[in-house]
Amino acid sequence: MPMTDTVARQIADLLNSQNELTVDYTAAKVLEHDRYIVRLDDSGNVIGAVEVKKVKWYQCEIDHLSVHPDAKRRGLGTSLLGEAEARARQLGARVAQCTIRVGNAPSEGLFKKAGYISTVTFVNAANGNRVTVYQKVL
């Protein structure tokens, strides 16, 4: 299904509201690439999204897995992560990677439960956040 401007705007709004980003997302930025896995509610509104992008021949980045506050604690994050890993495998990746802000307990728990291992922690100079890189062999 091709992404519409409305869905792209809703994805951008969701990412901006659920993450401490250094640069806000826009609908135009979302539409630049066909890399998003999206969940819609019965009314067609975005309630979850994740971006999967190939960064090396062997590696995909799973970015900004986000669930709308009204849809949390229903397994949507787990479902999106599973589909993101499947997409990474389809792209030929052997390793999935993500970065998570230190202290973001829901995200840390979700990825650890799915088998991701923390590798390194560093400070994001753009915003001062400490972030940890998590990886998983697919």
C-alpha atoms as a PDB file:
ATOM      1  CA  MET A   1       0.000   0.000   0.000  1.00  0.00           C
ATOM      2  CA  PRO A   2       1.537   3.358  -1.002  1.00  0.00           C
ATOM      3  CA  MET A   3       2.014   5.814   1.837  1.00  0.00           C
ATOM      4  CA  THR A   4      -0.208   8.885   1.785  1.00  0.00           C
ATOM      5  CA  ASP A   5       0.733  12.379   2.919  1.00  0.00           C
ATOM      6  CA  THR A   6      -1.730  12.021   5.813  1.00  0.00           C
ATOM      7  CA  VAL A   7      -0.129   8.801   7.073  1.00  0.00           C
ATOM      8  CA  ALA A   8       3.362  10.274   6.645  1.00  0.00           C
ATOM      9  CA  ARG A   9       2.355  13.325   8.690  1.00  0.00           C
ATOM     10  CA  GLN A  10       0.898  11.094  11.405  1.00  0.00           C
ATOM     11  CA  ILE A  11       4.104   9.008  11.482  1.00  0.00           C
ATOM     12  CA  ALA A  12       6.180  12.185  11.832  1.00  0.00           C
ATOM     13  CA  ASP A  13       3.919  13.442  14.636  1.00  0.00           C
ATOM     14  CA  LEU A  14       4.148  10.079  16.437  1.00  0.00           C
ATOM     15  CA  LEU A  15       7.949   9.945  16.163  1.00  0.00           C
ATOM     16  CA  ASN A  16       8.320  13.528  17.351  1.00  0.00           C
ATOM     17  CA  SER A  17       5.997  13.040  20.330  1.00  0.00           C
ATOM     18  CA  GLN A  18       7.421   9.691  21.506  1.00  0.00           C
ATOM     19  CA  ASN A  19      11.174  10.265  21.069  1.00  0.00           C
ATOM     20  CA  GLU A  20      13.690  12.855  22.215  1.00  0.00           C
ATOM     21  CA  LEU A  21      14.921  13.615  18.713  1.00  0.00           C
ATOM     22  CA  THR A  22      17.551  16.200  17.852  1.00  0.00           C
ATOM     23  CA  VAL A  23      15.775  17.034  14.582  1.00  0.00           C
ATOM     24  CA  ASP A  24      12.013  16.866  14.148  1.00  0.00           C
ATOM     25  CA  TYR A  25      10.609  14.543  11.505  1.00  0.00           C
ATOM     26  CA  THR A  26       8.305  15.906   8.806  1.00  0.00           C
ATOM     27  CA  ALA A  27       5.947  14.172   6.393  1.00  0.00           C
ATOM     28  CA  ALA A  28       8.429  14.981   3.608  1.00  0.00           C
ATOM     29  CA  LYS A  29      11.234  13.233   5.504  1.00  0.00           C
ATOM     30  CA  VAL A  30       9.066  10.152   6.076  1.00  0.00           C
ATOM     31  CA  LEU A  31       8.121  10.071   2.389  1.00  0.00           C
ATOM     32  CA  GLU A  32      11.776  10.227   1.242  1.00  0.00           C
ATOM     33  CA  HIS A  33      12.172   6.475   1.673  1.00  0.00           C
ATOM     34  CA  ASP A  34       9.914   3.449   1.681  1.00  0.00           C
ATOM     35  CA  ARG A  35      11.278   2.087   4.957  1.00  0.00           C
ATOM     36  CA  TYR A  36       8.396   2.293   7.414  1.00  0.00           C
ATOM     37  CA  ILE A  37       6.263  -0.437   8.878  1.00  0.00           C
ATOM     38  CA  VAL A  38       3.022   1.122  10.066  1.00  0.00           C
ATOM     39  CA  ARG A  39       0.025   0.049  12.124  1.00  0.00           C
ATOM     40  CA  LEU A  40      -3.298   1.841  11.772  1.00  0.00           C
ATOM     41  CA  ASP A  41      -6.337   1.732  14.024  1.00  0.00           C
ATOM     42  CA  ASP A  42      -9.839   0.958  12.736  1.00  0.00           C
ATOM     43  CA  SER A  43     -10.263   4.617  11.737  1.00  0.00           C
ATOM     44  CA  GLY A  44      -7.079   4.639   9.656  1.00  0.00           C
ATOM     45  CA  ASN A  45      -4.989   6.612  12.157  1.00  0.00           C
ATOM     46  CA  VAL A  46      -1.361   5.709  12.828  1.00  0.00           C
ATOM     47  CA  ILE A  47      -0.923   3.969  16.183  1.00  0.00           C
ATOM     48  CA  GLY A  48       2.532   2.489  15.622  1.00  0.00           C
ATOM     49  CA  ALA A  49       5.518   2.780  13.324  1.00  0.00           C
ATOM     50  CA  VAL A  50       9.108   1.671  12.927  1.00  0.00           C
ATOM     51  CA  GLU A  51      11.741   2.393  10.291  1.00  0.00           C
ATOM     52  CA  VAL A  52      14.041  -0.328   8.949  1.00  0.00           C
ATOM     53  CA  LYS A  53      17.026   0.779   6.909  1.00  0.00           C
ATOM     54  CA  LYS A  54      19.965  -1.150   5.540  1.00  0.00           C
ATOM     55  CA  VAL A  55      23.201   0.521   6.631  1.00  0.00           C
ATOM     56  CA  LYS A  56      25.785  -2.119   5.670  1.00  0.00           C
ATOM     57  CA  TRP A  57      25.654  -5.232   3.536  1.00  0.00           C
ATOM     58  CA  TYR A  58      25.186  -7.268   6.717  1.00  0.00           C
ATOM     59  CA  GLN A  59      23.321  -4.807   8.962  1.00  0.00           C
ATOM     60  CA  CYS A  60      19.980  -3.031   9.291  1.00  0.00           C
ATOM     61  CA  GLU A  61      19.117  -0.231  11.684  1.00  0.00           C
ATOM     62  CA  ILE A  62      15.753  -0.382  13.437  1.00  0.00           C
ATOM     63  CA  ASP A  63      14.857   3.237  14.159  1.00  0.00           C
ATOM     64  CA  HIS A  64      12.354   4.948  16.404  1.00  0.00           C
ATOM     65  CA  LEU A  65       9.956   2.110  17.088  1.00  0.00           C
ATOM     66  CA  SER A  66       7.025   4.132  18.417  1.00  0.00           C
ATOM     67  CA  VAL A  67       3.560   3.292  19.690  1.00  0.00           C
ATOM     68  CA  HIS A  68       0.824   5.852  20.335  1.00  0.00           C
ATOM     69  CA  PRO A  69       0.141   6.225  24.091  1.00  0.00           C
ATOM     70  CA  ASP A  70      -3.460   5.022  23.637  1.00  0.00           C
ATOM     71  CA  ALA A  71      -2.221   1.764  22.058  1.00  0.00           C
ATOM     72  CA  LYS A  72       0.543   0.828  24.495  1.00  0.00           C
ATOM     73  CA  ARG A  73       0.695  -2.401  26.496  1.00  0.00           C
ATOM     74  CA  ARG A  74      -1.188  -4.393  23.838  1.00  0.00           C
ATOM     75  CA  GLY A  75       1.739  -6.146  22.155  1.00  0.00           C
ATOM     76  CA  LEU A  76       1.996  -3.673  19.300  1.00  0.00           C
ATOM     77  CA  GLY A  77       5.669  -2.876  19.967  1.00  0.00           C
ATOM     78  CA  THR A  78       6.544  -6.584  20.025  1.00  0.00           C
ATOM     79  CA  SER A  79       4.645  -7.111  16.779  1.00  0.00           C
ATOM     80  CA  LEU A  80       6.347  -4.151  15.075  1.00  0.00           C
ATOM     81  CA  LEU A  81       9.772  -5.344  16.213  1.00  0.00           C
ATOM     82  CA  GLY A  82       9.123  -8.841  14.874  1.00  0.00           C
ATOM     83  CA  GLU A  83       8.054  -7.440  11.516  1.00  0.00           C
ATOM     84  CA  ALA A  84      11.073  -5.104  11.466  1.00  0.00           C
ATOM     85  CA  GLU A  85      13.385  -8.069  11.989  1.00  0.00           C
ATOM     86  CA  ALA A  86      11.622  -9.979   9.205  1.00  0.00           C
ATOM     87  CA  ARG A  87      12.086  -6.992   6.878  1.00  0.00           C
ATOM     88  CA  ALA A  88      15.781  -6.798   7.853  1.00  0.00           C
ATOM     89  CA  ARG A  89      16.189 -10.474   6.955  1.00  0.00           C
ATOM     90  CA  GLN A  90      14.447  -9.872   3.607  1.00  0.00           C
ATOM     91  CA  LEU A  91      16.974  -7.110   2.950  1.00  0.00           C
ATOM     92  CA  GLY A  92      19.781  -9.626   3.562  1.00  0.00           C
ATOM     93  CA  ALA A  93      20.866  -8.338   6.959  1.00  0.00           C
ATOM     94  CA  ARG A  94      22.568 -10.662   9.420  1.00  0.00           C
ATOM     95  CA  VAL A  95      22.612  -8.131  12.274  1.00  0.00           C
ATOM     96  CA  ALA A  96      19.870  -5.803  13.503  1.00  0.00           C
ATOM     97  CA  GLN A  97      20.904  -2.754  15.492  1.00  0.00           C
ATOM     98  CA  CYS A  98      19.155   0.053  17.337  1.00  0.00           C
ATOM     99  CA  THR A  99      20.095   2.884  19.657  1.00  0.00           C
ATOM    100  CA  ILE A 100      18.068   3.518  22.797  1.00  0.00           C
ATOM    101  CA  ARG A 101      18.271   6.478  25.146  1.00  0.00           C
ATOM    102  CA  VAL A 102      19.549   5.317  28.537  1.00  0.00           C
ATOM    103  CA  GLY A 103      16.615   5.261  30.952  1.00  0.00           C
ATOM    104  CA  ASN A 104      13.976   4.540  28.290  1.00  0.00           C
ATOM    105  CA  ALA A 105      12.909   1.461  30.240  1.00  0.00           C
ATOM    106  CA  PRO A 106      10.036   0.365  27.957  1.00  0.00           C
ATOM    107  CA  SER A 107      12.283   0.318  24.867  1.00  0.00           C
ATOM    108  CA  GLU A 108      15.213  -1.232  26.714  1.00  0.00           C
ATOM    109  CA  GLY A 109      12.910  -3.969  28.037  1.00  0.00           C
ATOM    110  CA  LEU A 110      11.302  -4.652  24.655  1.00  0.00           C
ATOM    111  CA  PHE A 111      14.602  -5.057  22.834  1.00  0.00           C
ATOM    112  CA  LYS A 112      16.276  -7.060  25.612  1.00  0.00           C
ATOM    113  CA  LYS A 113      13.281  -9.409  25.755  1.00  0.00           C
ATOM    114  CA  ALA A 114      13.648  -9.915  21.989  1.00  0.00           C
ATOM    115  CA  GLY A 115      17.281 -10.979  22.421  1.00  0.00           C
ATOM    116  CA  TYR A 116      19.156  -7.742  21.771  1.00  0.00           C
ATOM    117  CA  ILE A 117      22.429  -7.253  23.620  1.00  0.00           C
ATOM    118  CA  SER A 118      23.778  -3.876  24.723  1.00  0.00           C
ATOM    119  CA  THR A 119      27.173  -3.198  23.174  1.00  0.00           C
ATOM    120  CA  VAL A 120      28.361   0.358  23.877  1.00  0.00           C
ATOM    121  CA  THR A 121      26.995   3.479  25.531  1.00  0.00           C
ATOM    122  CA  PHE A 122      27.964   7.008  24.546  1.00  0.00           C
ATOM    123  CA  VAL A 123      26.761  10.597  24.842  1.00  0.00           C
ATOM    124  CA  ASN A 124      24.918  12.122  21.901  1.00  0.00           C
ATOM    125  CA  ALA A 125      26.714  15.453  21.583  1.00  0.00           C
ATOM    126  CA  ALA A 126      23.706  17.044  19.849  1.00  0.00           C
ATOM    127  CA  ASN A 127      21.382  16.710  22.856  1.00  0.00           C
ATOM    128  CA  GLY A 128      23.437  15.372  25.774  1.00  0.00           C
ATOM    129  CA  ASN A 129      21.484  12.112  25.980  1.00  0.00           C
ATOM    130  CA  ARG A 130      23.323   8.925  26.825  1.00  0.00           C
ATOM    131  CA  VAL A 131      22.406   6.228  24.329  1.00  0.00           C
ATOM    132  CA  THR A 132      23.194   2.545  24.131  1.00  0.00           C
ATOM    133  CA  VAL A 133      23.667   0.550  20.950  1.00  0.00           C
ATOM    134  CA  TYR A 134      21.832  -2.786  20.997  1.00  0.00           C
ATOM    135  CA  GLN A 135      22.476  -5.557  18.482  1.00  0.00           C
ATOM    136  CA  LYS A 136      21.043  -8.932  17.615  1.00  0.00           C
ATOM    137  CA  VAL A 137      22.198 -11.598  15.189  1.00  0.00           C
ATOM    138  CA  LEU A 138      19.303 -12.447  12.908  1.00  0.00           C
END
